[in-house]
C-alpha atoms as a PDB file:
ATOM      1  CA  LEU A   1     -94.558 -40.330  44.039  1.00  0.00           C
ATOM      2  CA  ARG A   2     -95.978 -37.335  45.770  1.00  0.00           C
ATOM      3  CA  ILE A   3     -97.980 -34.409  44.289  1.00  0.00           C
ATOM      4  CA  ASP A   4     -98.486 -31.090  46.263  1.00  0.00           C
ATOM      5  CA  ARG A   5     -99.432 -27.729  44.966  1.00  0.00           C
ATOM      6  CA  ARG A   6     -96.001 -26.683  44.341  1.00  0.00           C
ATOM      7  CA  ALA A   7     -94.351 -29.977  42.764  1.00  0.00           C
ATOM      8  CA  LEU A   8     -94.357 -33.553  41.504  1.00  0.00           C
ATOM      9  CA  SER A   9     -91.828 -35.651  43.234  1.00  0.00           C
ATOM     10  CA  LEU A  10     -91.152 -39.348  42.417  1.00  0.00           C
ATOM     11  CA  ALA A  11     -88.548 -41.990  43.223  1.00  0.00           C
ATOM     12  CA  LEU A  12     -88.665 -45.236  41.773  1.00  0.00           C
ATOM     13  CA  ALA A  13     -86.055 -48.510  42.148  1.00  0.00           C
ATOM     14  CA  LEU A  14     -85.801 -51.672  40.595  1.00  0.00           C
ATOM     15  CA  THR A  15     -83.663 -54.613  40.742  1.00  0.00           C
ATOM     16  CA  ALA A  16     -83.411 -58.065  39.181  1.00  0.00           C
ATOM     17  CA  HIS A  17     -80.615 -60.682  38.038  1.00  0.00           C
ATOM     18  CA  GLU A  18     -77.695 -58.381  39.578  1.00  0.00           C
ATOM     19  CA  GLN A  19     -79.301 -55.247  37.573  1.00  0.00           C
ATOM     20  CA  ALA A  20     -80.466 -51.993  39.473  1.00  0.00           C
ATOM     21  CA  LEU A  21     -82.000 -49.133  37.968  1.00  0.00           C
ATOM     22  CA  ALA A  22     -83.020 -45.844  39.689  1.00  0.00           C
ATOM     23  CA  LEU A  23     -85.022 -42.931  38.837  1.00  0.00           C
ATOM     24  CA  GLN A  24     -85.932 -39.748  40.897  1.00  0.00           C
ATOM     25  CA  GLY A  25     -86.501 -36.203  40.318  1.00  0.00           C
ATOM     26  CA  THR A  26     -88.861 -33.199  40.688  1.00  0.00           C
ATOM     27  CA  VAL A  27     -91.052 -30.980  38.631  1.00  0.00           C
ATOM     28  CA  ASP A  28     -92.105 -27.484  39.760  1.00  0.00           C
ATOM     29  CA  ARG A  29     -95.873 -27.444  38.663  1.00  0.00           C
ATOM     30  CA  ALA A  30     -95.628 -23.474  38.689  1.00  0.00           C
ATOM     31  CA  SER A  31     -92.540 -22.683  36.331  1.00  0.00           C
ATOM     32  CA  GLY A  32     -91.881 -26.046  34.889  1.00  0.00           C
ATOM     33  CA  ARG A  33     -88.477 -26.607  35.831  1.00  0.00           C
ATOM     34  CA  LEU A  34     -87.445 -30.210  36.035  1.00  0.00           C
ATOM     35  CA  GLU A  35     -84.474 -31.955  37.552  1.00  0.00           C
ATOM     36  CA  LEU A  36     -84.334 -35.904  36.842  1.00  0.00           C
ATOM     37  CA  THR A  37     -81.543 -38.479  37.681  1.00  0.00           C
ATOM     38  CA  MET A  38     -81.522 -41.915  36.008  1.00  0.00           C
ATOM     39  CA  ARG A  39     -78.889 -44.228  37.205  1.00  0.00           C
ATOM     40  CA  GLY A  40     -78.392 -47.879  35.822  1.00  0.00           C
ATOM     41  CA  ARG A  41     -75.831 -50.306  37.239  1.00  0.00           C
ATOM     42  CA  ARG A  42     -74.569 -53.575  35.769  1.00  0.00           C
ATOM     43  CA  LEU A  43     -77.257 -53.383  32.987  1.00  0.00           C
ATOM     44  CA  ASP A  44     -77.877 -56.370  30.764  1.00  0.00           C
ATOM     45  CA  ALA A  45     -79.235 -55.091  27.124  1.00  0.00           C
ATOM     46  CA  HIS A  46     -79.742 -58.652  26.242  1.00  0.00           C
ATOM     47  CA  ARG A  47     -82.422 -58.886  29.445  1.00  0.00           C
ATOM     48  CA  LEU A  48     -84.188 -55.629  28.600  1.00  0.00           C
ATOM     49  CA  ALA A  49     -84.333 -56.354  24.913  1.00  0.00           C
ATOM     50  CA  GLN A  50     -86.066 -59.822  25.390  1.00  0.00           C
ATOM     51  CA  MET A  51     -88.904 -58.060  26.524  1.00  0.00           C
ATOM     52  CA  ALA A  52     -89.340 -56.285  22.980  1.00  0.00           C
ATOM     53  CA  HIS A  53     -88.521 -59.651  21.320  1.00  0.00           C
ATOM     54  CA  VAL A  54     -84.890 -58.221  19.958  1.00  0.00           C
ATOM     55  CA  GLU A  55     -81.698 -59.775  20.093  1.00  0.00           C
ATOM     56  CA  LEU A  56     -78.848 -58.155  21.695  1.00  0.00           C
ATOM     57  CA  PRO A  57     -75.592 -59.495  22.998  1.00  0.00           C
ATOM     58  CA  ARG A  58     -75.209 -59.725  27.155  1.00  0.00           C
ATOM     59  CA  THR A  59     -73.876 -56.671  28.803  1.00  0.00           C
ATOM     60  CA  VAL A  60     -72.382 -55.175  31.897  1.00  0.00           C
ATOM     61  CA  LEU A  61     -73.194 -51.494  31.429  1.00  0.00           C
ATOM     62  CA  ASP A  62     -73.404 -48.595  33.865  1.00  0.00           C
ATOM     63  CA  LEU A  63     -75.568 -45.806  32.852  1.00  0.00           C
ATOM     64  CA  ASP A  64     -75.771 -41.970  34.315  1.00  0.00           C
ATOM     65  CA  ALA A  65     -78.729 -39.254  32.913  1.00  0.00           C
ATOM     66  CA  GLN A  66     -79.886 -36.237  33.687  1.00  0.00           C
ATOM     67  CA  LEU A  67     -82.530 -34.066  32.444  1.00  0.00           C
ATOM     68  CA  ARG A  68     -82.954 -30.505  33.787  1.00  0.00           C
ATOM     69  CA  GLY A  69     -84.493 -27.091  32.487  1.00  0.00           C
ATOM     70  CA  THR A  70     -88.219 -26.780  31.215  1.00  0.00           C
ATOM     71  CA  ARG A  71     -90.161 -28.435  28.965  1.00  0.00           C
ATOM     72  CA  HIS A  72     -89.584 -25.956  26.435  1.00  0.00           C
ATOM     73  CA  SER A  73     -85.962 -25.664  27.144  1.00  0.00           C
ATOM     74  CA  PRO A  74     -84.423 -29.239  28.251  1.00  0.00           C
ATOM     75  CA  GLU A  75     -81.173 -30.037  29.114  1.00  0.00           C
ATOM     76  CA  LEU A  76     -80.212 -33.563  29.053  1.00  0.00           C
ATOM     77  CA  ALA A  77     -76.629 -35.574  29.669  1.00  0.00           C
ATOM     78  CA  VAL A  78     -75.648 -39.114  29.125  1.00  0.00           C
ATOM     79  CA  GLN A  79     -72.866 -41.235  30.334  1.00  0.00           C
ATOM     80  CA  LEU A  80     -72.263 -44.801  29.683  1.00  0.00           C
ATOM     81  CA  HIS A  81     -69.838 -47.132  30.015  1.00  0.00           C
ATOM     82  CA  GLY A  82     -68.871 -50.891  30.085  1.00  0.00           C
ATOM     83  CA  ARG A  83     -68.907 -53.785  28.073  1.00  0.00           C
ATOM     84  CA  THR A  84     -70.582 -56.255  25.788  1.00  0.00           C
ATOM     85  CA  LEU A  85     -69.931 -60.155  26.342  1.00  0.00           C
ATOM     86  CA  PRO A  86     -68.490 -62.242  23.494  1.00  0.00           C
ATOM     87  CA  TRP A  87     -71.203 -63.149  21.438  1.00  0.00           C
ATOM     88  CA  PRO A  88     -70.041 -66.259  19.565  1.00  0.00           C
ATOM     89  CA  ARG A  89     -73.356 -66.711  17.543  1.00  0.00           C
ATOM     90  CA  HIS A  90     -72.249 -63.839  15.606  1.00  0.00           C
ATOM     91  CA  HIS A  91     -68.384 -64.193  15.970  1.00  0.00           C
ATOM     92  CA  LEU A  92     -68.081 -60.957  18.269  1.00  0.00           C
ATOM     93  CA  PRO A  93     -65.552 -60.609  21.077  1.00  0.00           C
ATOM     94  CA  ALA A  94     -65.833 -58.783  24.120  1.00  0.00           C
ATOM     95  CA  VAL A  95     -66.211 -54.775  23.654  1.00  0.00           C
ATOM     96  CA  GLU A  96     -65.308 -51.954  25.798  1.00  0.00           C
ATOM     97  CA  LEU A  97     -67.745 -48.932  25.560  1.00  0.00           C
ATOM     98  CA  THR A  98     -67.926 -45.616  26.776  1.00  0.00           C
ATOM     99  CA  PHE A  99     -70.546 -43.251  25.651  1.00  0.00           C
ATOM    100  CA  ASP A 100     -70.605 -39.233  26.646  1.00  0.00           C
ATOM    101  CA  GLY A 101     -73.115 -37.099  25.547  1.00  0.00           C
ATOM    102  CA  ALA A 102     -75.261 -33.910  25.998  1.00  0.00           C
ATOM    103  CA  GLY A 103     -77.688 -31.678  24.385  1.00  0.00           C
ATOM    104  CA  ASP A 104     -80.299 -28.941  24.743  1.00  0.00           C
ATOM    105  CA  ALA A 105     -82.964 -27.600  22.248  1.00  0.00           C
ATOM    106  CA  ARG A 106     -80.603 -26.173  20.065  1.00  0.00           C
ATOM    107  CA  ARG A 107     -77.579 -28.446  19.517  1.00  0.00           C
ATOM    108  CA  VAL A 108     -76.373 -32.073  20.342  1.00  0.00           C
ATOM    109  CA  GLU A 109     -72.609 -33.345  21.183  1.00  0.00           C
ATOM    110  CA  GLY A 110     -71.366 -36.860  21.944  1.00  0.00           C
ATOM    111  CA  THR A 111     -68.645 -39.314  22.189  1.00  0.00           C
ATOM    112  CA  LEU A 112     -68.253 -42.775  21.464  1.00  0.00           C
ATOM    113  CA  GLU A 113     -65.277 -44.978  22.628  1.00  0.00           C
ATOM    114  CA  ALA A 114     -65.153 -48.682  21.546  1.00  0.00           C
ATOM    115  CA  SER A 115     -62.295 -51.066  21.901  1.00  0.00           C
ATOM    116  CA  ALA A 116     -61.862 -55.053  21.297  1.00  0.00           C
ATOM    117  CA  ARG A 117     -58.821 -57.049  20.745  1.00  0.00           C
ATOM    118  CA  GLY A 118     -56.557 -54.213  20.604  1.00  0.00           C
ATOM    119  CA  GLN A 119     -58.736 -52.572  18.102  1.00  0.00           C
ATOM    120  CA  LYS A 120     -59.992 -48.902  19.002  1.00  0.00           C
ATOM    121  CA  LEU A 121     -63.038 -46.619  17.580  1.00  0.00           C
ATOM    122  CA  ARG A 122     -63.542 -43.117  18.578  1.00  0.00           C
ATOM    123  CA  ALA A 123     -66.664 -41.208  16.899  1.00  0.00           C
ATOM    124  CA  LEU A 124     -67.673 -37.677  17.937  1.00  0.00           C
ATOM    125  CA  VAL A 125     -70.270 -35.724  16.777  1.00  0.00           C
ATOM    126  CA  ASP A 126     -71.171 -31.755  17.264  1.00  0.00           C
ATOM    127  CA  ALA A 127     -74.135 -30.279  15.505  1.00  0.00           C
ATOM    128  CA  PRO A 128     -77.260 -28.178  15.862  1.00  0.00           C
ATOM    129  CA  LEU A 129     -80.821 -29.740  15.654  1.00  0.00           C
ATOM    130  CA  ASP A 130     -82.268 -27.089  13.492  1.00  0.00           C
ATOM    131  CA  PRO A 131     -81.091 -28.024   9.915  1.00  0.00           C
ATOM    132  CA  SER A 132     -81.603 -24.339   8.923  1.00  0.00           C
ATOM    133  CA  SER A 133     -78.982 -23.256  11.566  1.00  0.00           C
ATOM    134  CA  ASP A 134     -75.860 -21.777  10.503  1.00  0.00           C
ATOM    135  CA  ARG A 135     -73.680 -22.818  13.144  1.00  0.00           C
ATOM    136  CA  GLU A 136     -70.784 -25.460  12.302  1.00  0.00           C
ATOM    137  CA  ARG A 137     -71.373 -29.309  12.116  1.00  0.00           C
ATOM    138  CA  VAL A 138     -68.713 -31.606  13.166  1.00  0.00           C
ATOM    139  CA  ALA A 139     -68.281 -35.061  13.145  1.00  0.00           C
ATOM    140  CA  GLU A 140     -64.776 -37.148  13.528  1.00  0.00           C
ATOM    141  CA  VAL A 141     -64.361 -40.830  13.447  1.00  0.00           C
ATOM    142  CA  ARG A 142     -61.059 -42.767  14.226  1.00  0.00           C
ATOM    143  CA  ALA A 143     -60.782 -46.422  13.898  1.00  0.00           C
ATOM    144  CA  HIS A 144     -57.638 -48.605  14.407  1.00  0.00           C
ATOM    145  CA  LEU A 145     -58.569 -52.204  12.872  1.00  0.00           C
ATOM    146  CA  ASP A 146     -56.890 -55.535  12.904  1.00  0.00           C
ATOM    147  CA  LEU A 147     -58.385 -57.255   9.934  1.00  0.00           C
ATOM    148  CA  SER A 148     -57.148 -60.907  11.089  1.00  0.00           C
ATOM    149  CA  GLN A 149     -59.617 -59.852  14.107  1.00  0.00           C
ATOM    150  CA  LEU A 150     -62.886 -59.241  12.504  1.00  0.00           C
ATOM    151  CA  PRO A 151     -65.364 -61.926  11.068  1.00  0.00           C
ATOM    152  CA  LEU A 152     -64.657 -60.968   7.688  1.00  0.00           C
ATOM    153  CA  ALA A 153     -64.489 -64.384   6.398  1.00  0.00           C
ATOM    154  CA  SER A 154     -67.812 -65.216   7.768  1.00  0.00           C
ATOM    155  CA  LEU A 155     -69.215 -61.930   5.878  1.00  0.00           C
ATOM    156  CA  GLY A 156     -67.984 -63.392   2.428  1.00  0.00           C
ATOM    157  CA  ALA A 157     -65.010 -61.049   2.191  1.00  0.00           C
ATOM    158  CA  PRO A 158     -62.053 -62.270  -0.281  1.00  0.00           C
ATOM    159  CA  ALA A 159     -59.260 -63.874   0.914  1.00  0.00           C
ATOM    160  CA  GLY A 160     -56.662 -61.004   0.449  1.00  0.00           C
ATOM    161  CA  VAL A 161     -58.417 -58.794   2.974  1.00  0.00           C
ATOM    162  CA  HIS A 162     -58.505 -61.140   5.701  1.00  0.00           C
ATOM    163  CA  ALA A 163     -55.151 -59.724   7.448  1.00  0.00           C
ATOM    164  CA  GLY A 164     -53.681 -56.508   7.872  1.00  0.00           C
ATOM    165  CA  VAL A 165     -53.739 -53.359  10.694  1.00  0.00           C
ATOM    166  CA  VAL A 166     -55.851 -50.542   9.160  1.00  0.00           C
ATOM    167  CA  ASP A 167     -55.949 -47.058  10.645  1.00  0.00           C
ATOM    168  CA  LEU A 168     -58.936 -44.705   9.351  1.00  0.00           C
ATOM    169  CA  ALA A 169     -59.432 -41.013  10.095  1.00  0.00           C
ATOM    170  CA  LEU A 170     -62.457 -39.292   8.867  1.00  0.00           C
ATOM    171  CA  ASP A 171     -63.019 -35.382   9.472  1.00  0.00           C
ATOM    172  CA  VAL A 172     -66.399 -33.821   8.224  1.00  0.00           C
ATOM    173  CA  ARG A 173     -66.944 -30.047   9.046  1.00  0.00           C
ATOM    174  CA  GLY A 174     -69.661 -27.206   7.412  1.00  0.00           C
ATOM    175  CA  THR A 175     -72.194 -25.500   7.666  1.00  0.00           C
ATOM    176  CA  ARG A 176     -75.941 -25.878   6.071  1.00  0.00           C
ATOM    177  CA  ARG A 177     -74.371 -24.488   2.955  1.00  0.00           C
ATOM    178  CA  ALA A 178     -71.243 -26.332   2.629  1.00  0.00           C
ATOM    179  CA  VAL A 179     -69.824 -29.181   3.830  1.00  0.00           C
ATOM    180  CA  GLU A 180     -65.668 -30.128   3.575  1.00  0.00           C
ATOM    181  CA  ALA A 181     -64.584 -34.083   4.405  1.00  0.00           C
ATOM    182  CA  GLN A 182     -61.123 -35.771   4.242  1.00  0.00           C
ATOM    183  CA  LEU A 183     -60.435 -39.241   4.701  1.00  0.00           C
ATOM    184  CA  GLU A 184     -57.052 -40.575   5.521  1.00  0.00           C
ATOM    185  CA  GLY A 185     -55.971 -44.470   5.444  1.00  0.00           C
ATOM    186  CA  ALA A 186     -52.974 -46.293   6.520  1.00  0.00           C
ATOM    187  CA  ILE A 187     -51.858 -50.036   6.358  1.00  0.00           C
ATOM    188  CA  HIS A 188     -49.542 -51.203   8.768  1.00  0.00           C
ATOM    189  CA  GLY A 189     -48.462 -47.524   9.390  1.00  0.00           C
ATOM    190  CA  GLU A 190     -48.220 -46.461   5.628  1.00  0.00           C
ATOM    191  CA  PRO A 191     -50.364 -43.974   4.044  1.00  0.00           C
ATOM    192  CA  VAL A 192     -52.352 -45.508   1.315  1.00  0.00           C
ATOM    193  CA  LEU A 193     -55.211 -43.121   0.494  1.00  0.00           C
ATOM    194  CA  ALA A 194     -56.360 -39.448   0.906  1.00  0.00           C
ATOM    195  CA  VAL A 195     -59.601 -38.213  -0.127  1.00  0.00           C
ATOM    196  CA  ARG A 196     -60.599 -34.515   0.179  1.00  0.00           C
ATOM    197  CA  ALA A 197     -64.068 -33.654  -0.799  1.00  0.00           C
ATOM    198  CA  GLU A 198     -66.318 -30.215  -0.901  1.00  0.00           C
ATOM    199  CA  SER A 199     -70.199 -30.001  -1.497  1.00  0.00           C
ATOM    200  CA  HIS A 200     -72.061 -26.739  -1.540  1.00  0.00           C
ATOM    201  CA  LEU A 201     -75.879 -27.845  -0.640  1.00  0.00           C
ATOM    202  CA  ASP A 202     -78.505 -26.502   1.655  1.00  0.00           C
ATOM    203  CA  VAL A 203     -78.824 -28.875   4.566  1.00  0.00           C
ATOM    204  CA  ALA A 204     -82.260 -27.644   4.957  1.00  0.00           C
ATOM    205  CA  ALA A 205     -83.508 -28.715   1.697  1.00  0.00           C
ATOM    206  CA  LEU A 206     -82.264 -32.040   1.939  1.00  0.00           C
ATOM    207  CA  VAL A 207     -84.126 -32.522   5.098  1.00  0.00           C
ATOM    208  CA  HIS A 208     -87.378 -31.674   3.657  1.00  0.00           C
ATOM    209  CA  GLY A 209     -86.847 -33.701   0.349  1.00  0.00           C
ATOM    210  CA  ALA A 210     -84.658 -32.344  -2.018  1.00  0.00           C
ATOM    211  CA  PRO A 211     -82.623 -34.807  -3.972  1.00  0.00           C
ATOM    212  CA  TRP A 212     -79.008 -35.052  -2.717  1.00  0.00           C
ATOM    213  CA  GLN A 213     -77.958 -36.243  -6.351  1.00  0.00           C
ATOM    214  CA  ASP A 214     -78.283 -32.306  -7.180  1.00  0.00           C
ATOM    215  CA  ALA A 215     -75.664 -31.069  -4.822  1.00  0.00           C
ATOM    216  CA  PRO A 216     -72.340 -30.387  -6.740  1.00  0.00           C
ATOM    217  CA  VAL A 217     -69.100 -32.321  -5.239  1.00  0.00           C
ATOM    218  CA  VAL A 218     -65.537 -31.503  -5.672  1.00  0.00           C
ATOM    219  CA  ALA A 219     -62.962 -34.162  -4.497  1.00  0.00           C
ATOM    220  CA  ALA A 220     -59.609 -35.004  -4.836  1.00  0.00           C
ATOM    221  CA  VAL A 221     -58.033 -38.485  -4.335  1.00  0.00           C
ATOM    222  CA  THR A 222     -54.450 -39.269  -3.494  1.00  0.00           C
END
């Protein structure tokens, strides 16, 4: 750590149990501009969560994060990739994970991808942070699931839903005053469900406690 009249500079490196975490950056004292970089290698969420007495699966994750801008106008970018190890106690297999996200004082966007035993999940979100903003909000989810590979029996699911390959697609788009959603489902490649819904609502009012039940919804199911 170094502090002088112009800037604050820091560099930190930690290693433990094959894990490595490094943090370095500078903050300009006059302008308030900052540039911080964090890099983690082979991070184990299980060991890290033990410090907070939280149970998580063991992982091997690489993390890269960059924070730039100023205190009033920060810009953050995060990339995470790696895998979780099998978690027999909770009947969970190893999972490959990738996350790529970015945001600033106005908007946040991110994409998450996960896969395990041939199953895949992809989720995307792109939305303004200010609920009163008129900018578009977008959310997408794609899932390819093999029910025979999921611990449905241990969760009490009926025997008839323990097998089958299911594909789901959810798209949500809108502004603070109108939202459109579409959900499609297929089993073994054959379409079995299509739902379209539209609602005119005030997102800002909902954030401040307005009852969501009062929002009108029009839906069609086929």
